């Protein structure tokens, strides 16, 4: 994205912060990149990441293309993103070191 802005969003459950997400949005507000999405350890496995992904799509209604990447060896994250409708770009893979490969996902939302 040539010209963009970014936001850090903190997500809470009651009075407890459960995680955060950084969003980089293109100037025309139609393309966005998520990096990172973090859930505190004690809140993992409770559906908060799924809810965060649903919430940002509502909060950014003009965004029609979402991009993110993750470590291929993090099977739970790969499963999460696929479950939430993200499609892996099998043509783009970045090997960082043995046991750490970055894979890329996109999600297109029809408006």
C-alpha atoms as a PDB file:
ATOM      1  CA  UNK A   1       0.000   0.000   0.000  1.00  0.00           C
ATOM      2  CA  UNK A   2       1.602   3.214  -1.156  1.00  0.00           C
ATOM      3  CA  UNK A   3      -0.296   5.663   1.007  1.00  0.00           C
ATOM      4  CA  UNK A   4      -2.038   4.415   4.104  1.00  0.00           C
ATOM      5  CA  UNK A   5      -2.857   4.962   7.743  1.00  0.00           C
ATOM      6  CA  UNK A   6      -2.748   2.564  10.639  1.00  0.00           C
ATOM      7  CA  UNK A   7      -4.640   1.984  13.849  1.00  0.00           C
ATOM      8  CA  UNK A   8      -4.062  -0.105  16.928  1.00  0.00           C
ATOM      9  CA  UNK A   9      -7.290  -1.529  18.296  1.00  0.00           C
ATOM     10  CA  UNK A  10      -7.511  -3.034  21.764  1.00  0.00           C
ATOM     11  CA  UNK A  11     -10.257  -5.541  22.448  1.00  0.00           C
ATOM     12  CA  UNK A  12     -11.786  -6.048  25.872  1.00  0.00           C
ATOM     13  CA  UNK A  13     -14.137  -8.461  27.565  1.00  0.00           C
ATOM     14  CA  UNK A  14     -15.724  -6.692  30.487  1.00  0.00           C
ATOM     15  CA  UNK A  15     -12.910  -4.681  32.058  1.00  0.00           C
ATOM     16  CA  UNK A  16     -10.140  -7.034  30.877  1.00  0.00           C
ATOM     17  CA  UNK A  17      -8.162  -6.403  27.727  1.00  0.00           C
ATOM     18  CA  UNK A  18      -7.995  -9.681  25.831  1.00  0.00           C
ATOM     19  CA  UNK A  19      -5.983  -8.673  22.783  1.00  0.00           C
ATOM     20  CA  UNK A  20      -5.029  -6.160  20.163  1.00  0.00           C
ATOM     21  CA  UNK A  21      -4.866  -5.784  16.432  1.00  0.00           C
ATOM     22  CA  UNK A  22      -2.988  -3.424  14.143  1.00  0.00           C
ATOM     23  CA  UNK A  23      -4.748  -2.455  10.922  1.00  0.00           C
ATOM     24  CA  UNK A  24      -3.082  -0.677   8.035  1.00  0.00           C
ATOM     25  CA  UNK A  25      -5.692   0.782   5.675  1.00  0.00           C
ATOM     26  CA  UNK A  26      -5.036   2.097   2.164  1.00  0.00           C
ATOM     27  CA  UNK A  27      -5.780   5.728   1.378  1.00  0.00           C
ATOM     28  CA  UNK A  28      -8.897   4.770  -0.593  1.00  0.00           C
ATOM     29  CA  UNK A  29     -10.011   2.659   2.411  1.00  0.00           C
ATOM     30  CA  UNK A  30     -10.697  -0.423   0.281  1.00  0.00           C
ATOM     31  CA  UNK A  31      -7.620  -2.514   1.142  1.00  0.00           C
ATOM     32  CA  UNK A  32      -6.338  -3.328   4.615  1.00  0.00           C
ATOM     33  CA  UNK A  33      -3.574  -5.389   6.158  1.00  0.00           C
ATOM     34  CA  UNK A  34      -3.748  -6.981   9.591  1.00  0.00           C
ATOM     35  CA  UNK A  35      -0.506  -7.388  11.491  1.00  0.00           C
ATOM     36  CA  UNK A  36      -0.273  -8.405  14.225  1.00  0.00           C
ATOM     37  CA  UNK A  37      -3.340  -9.936  15.834  1.00  0.00           C
ATOM     38  CA  UNK A  38      -2.551 -10.816  19.445  1.00  0.00           C
ATOM     39  CA  UNK A  39      -4.612 -12.552  22.118  1.00  0.00           C
ATOM     40  CA  UNK A  40      -3.267 -12.711  25.653  1.00  0.00           C
ATOM     41  CA  UNK A  41      -2.405 -16.276  26.626  1.00  0.00           C
ATOM     42  CA  UNK A  42      -5.067 -16.586  29.330  1.00  0.00           C
ATOM     43  CA  UNK A  43      -7.790 -15.659  26.798  1.00  0.00           C
ATOM     44  CA  UNK A  44      -6.688 -17.877  23.912  1.00  0.00           C
ATOM     45  CA  UNK A  45      -9.028 -20.622  22.710  1.00  0.00           C
ATOM     46  CA  UNK A  46     -12.202 -18.761  23.698  1.00  0.00           C
ATOM     47  CA  UNK A  47     -13.221 -17.349  20.313  1.00  0.00           C
ATOM     48  CA  UNK A  48     -11.904 -13.821  20.877  1.00  0.00           C
ATOM     49  CA  UNK A  49      -9.751 -13.838  17.719  1.00  0.00           C
ATOM     50  CA  UNK A  50     -12.762 -14.856  15.632  1.00  0.00           C
ATOM     51  CA  UNK A  51     -14.822 -12.080  17.178  1.00  0.00           C
ATOM     52  CA  UNK A  52     -12.056  -9.542  16.600  1.00  0.00           C
ATOM     53  CA  UNK A  53     -11.907 -10.473  12.911  1.00  0.00           C
ATOM     54  CA  UNK A  54     -15.691 -10.179  12.598  1.00  0.00           C
ATOM     55  CA  UNK A  55     -15.707  -6.851  14.441  1.00  0.00           C
ATOM     56  CA  UNK A  56     -13.084  -5.196  12.242  1.00  0.00           C
ATOM     57  CA  UNK A  57     -15.048  -6.059   9.108  1.00  0.00           C
ATOM     58  CA  UNK A  58     -18.006  -4.203  10.628  1.00  0.00           C
ATOM     59  CA  UNK A  59     -15.830  -1.334  11.895  1.00  0.00           C
ATOM     60  CA  UNK A  60     -14.237  -0.891   8.439  1.00  0.00           C
ATOM     61  CA  UNK A  61     -17.192  -1.385   6.071  1.00  0.00           C
ATOM     62  CA  UNK A  62     -15.438   0.170   3.059  1.00  0.00           C
ATOM     63  CA  UNK A  63     -12.623  -2.398   3.126  1.00  0.00           C
ATOM     64  CA  UNK A  64     -13.241  -5.072   0.502  1.00  0.00           C
ATOM     65  CA  UNK A  65      -9.820  -6.747   0.531  1.00  0.00           C
ATOM     66  CA  UNK A  66      -8.083  -7.887   3.700  1.00  0.00           C
ATOM     67  CA  UNK A  67      -4.495  -9.184   3.782  1.00  0.00           C
ATOM     68  CA  UNK A  68      -2.517 -10.895   6.524  1.00  0.00           C
ATOM     69  CA  UNK A  69       0.330 -13.319   6.980  1.00  0.00           C
ATOM     70  CA  UNK A  70       1.266 -15.856   9.589  1.00  0.00           C
ATOM     71  CA  UNK A  71       3.822 -18.510  10.393  1.00  0.00           C
ATOM     72  CA  UNK A  72       2.889 -21.707   8.531  1.00  0.00           C
ATOM     73  CA  UNK A  73       3.946 -23.859  11.461  1.00  0.00           C
ATOM     74  CA  UNK A  74       1.370 -22.154  13.720  1.00  0.00           C
ATOM     75  CA  UNK A  75      -1.407 -24.582  12.799  1.00  0.00           C
ATOM     76  CA  UNK A  76      -4.021 -22.982  15.080  1.00  0.00           C
ATOM     77  CA  UNK A  77      -3.570 -19.604  13.394  1.00  0.00           C
ATOM     78  CA  UNK A  78      -3.690 -21.121   9.910  1.00  0.00           C
ATOM     79  CA  UNK A  79      -6.914 -22.904  10.901  1.00  0.00           C
ATOM     80  CA  UNK A  80      -8.378 -19.680  12.350  1.00  0.00           C
ATOM     81  CA  UNK A  81      -7.747 -17.645   9.225  1.00  0.00           C
ATOM     82  CA  UNK A  82      -9.110 -20.322   6.901  1.00  0.00           C
ATOM     83  CA  UNK A  83     -12.165 -20.729   9.131  1.00  0.00           C
ATOM     84  CA  UNK A  84     -12.770 -16.970   8.918  1.00  0.00           C
ATOM     85  CA  UNK A  85     -12.759 -17.019   5.123  1.00  0.00           C
ATOM     86  CA  UNK A  86      -9.168 -16.082   4.345  1.00  0.00           C
ATOM     87  CA  UNK A  87      -7.648 -17.799   1.321  1.00  0.00           C
ATOM     88  CA  UNK A  88      -3.973 -18.723   1.272  1.00  0.00           C
ATOM     89  CA  UNK A  89      -1.903 -17.387  -1.623  1.00  0.00           C
ATOM     90  CA  UNK A  90       0.017 -20.562  -2.431  1.00  0.00           C
ATOM     91  CA  UNK A  91       2.291 -18.660  -4.834  1.00  0.00           C
ATOM     92  CA  UNK A  92       3.767 -16.538  -2.052  1.00  0.00           C
ATOM     93  CA  UNK A  93       5.860 -18.149   0.689  1.00  0.00           C
ATOM     94  CA  UNK A  94       8.782 -16.669   2.601  1.00  0.00           C
ATOM     95  CA  UNK A  95      11.239 -18.988   4.369  1.00  0.00           C
ATOM     96  CA  UNK A  96      12.690 -17.142   7.355  1.00  0.00           C
ATOM     97  CA  UNK A  97      14.691 -20.019   8.845  1.00  0.00           C
ATOM     98  CA  UNK A  98      14.209 -23.776   9.313  1.00  0.00           C
ATOM     99  CA  UNK A  99      10.863 -24.263  11.043  1.00  0.00           C
ATOM    100  CA  UNK A 100       9.656 -20.729  10.310  1.00  0.00           C
ATOM    101  CA  UNK A 101       7.894 -20.070   7.027  1.00  0.00           C
ATOM    102  CA  UNK A 102       5.620 -17.110   6.404  1.00  0.00           C
ATOM    103  CA  UNK A 103       2.458 -17.742   4.392  1.00  0.00           C
ATOM    104  CA  UNK A 104       0.058 -15.112   3.076  1.00  0.00           C
ATOM    105  CA  UNK A 105      -3.729 -14.864   3.111  1.00  0.00           C
ATOM    106  CA  UNK A 106      -6.374 -12.599   1.599  1.00  0.00           C
ATOM    107  CA  UNK A 107     -10.090 -12.214   2.047  1.00  0.00           C
ATOM    108  CA  UNK A 108     -12.304 -10.530  -0.523  1.00  0.00           C
ATOM    109  CA  UNK A 109     -15.639  -9.174   0.686  1.00  0.00           C
ATOM    110  CA  UNK A 110     -18.338  -8.542  -1.892  1.00  0.00           C
ATOM    111  CA  UNK A 111     -20.273  -5.366  -1.195  1.00  0.00           C
END
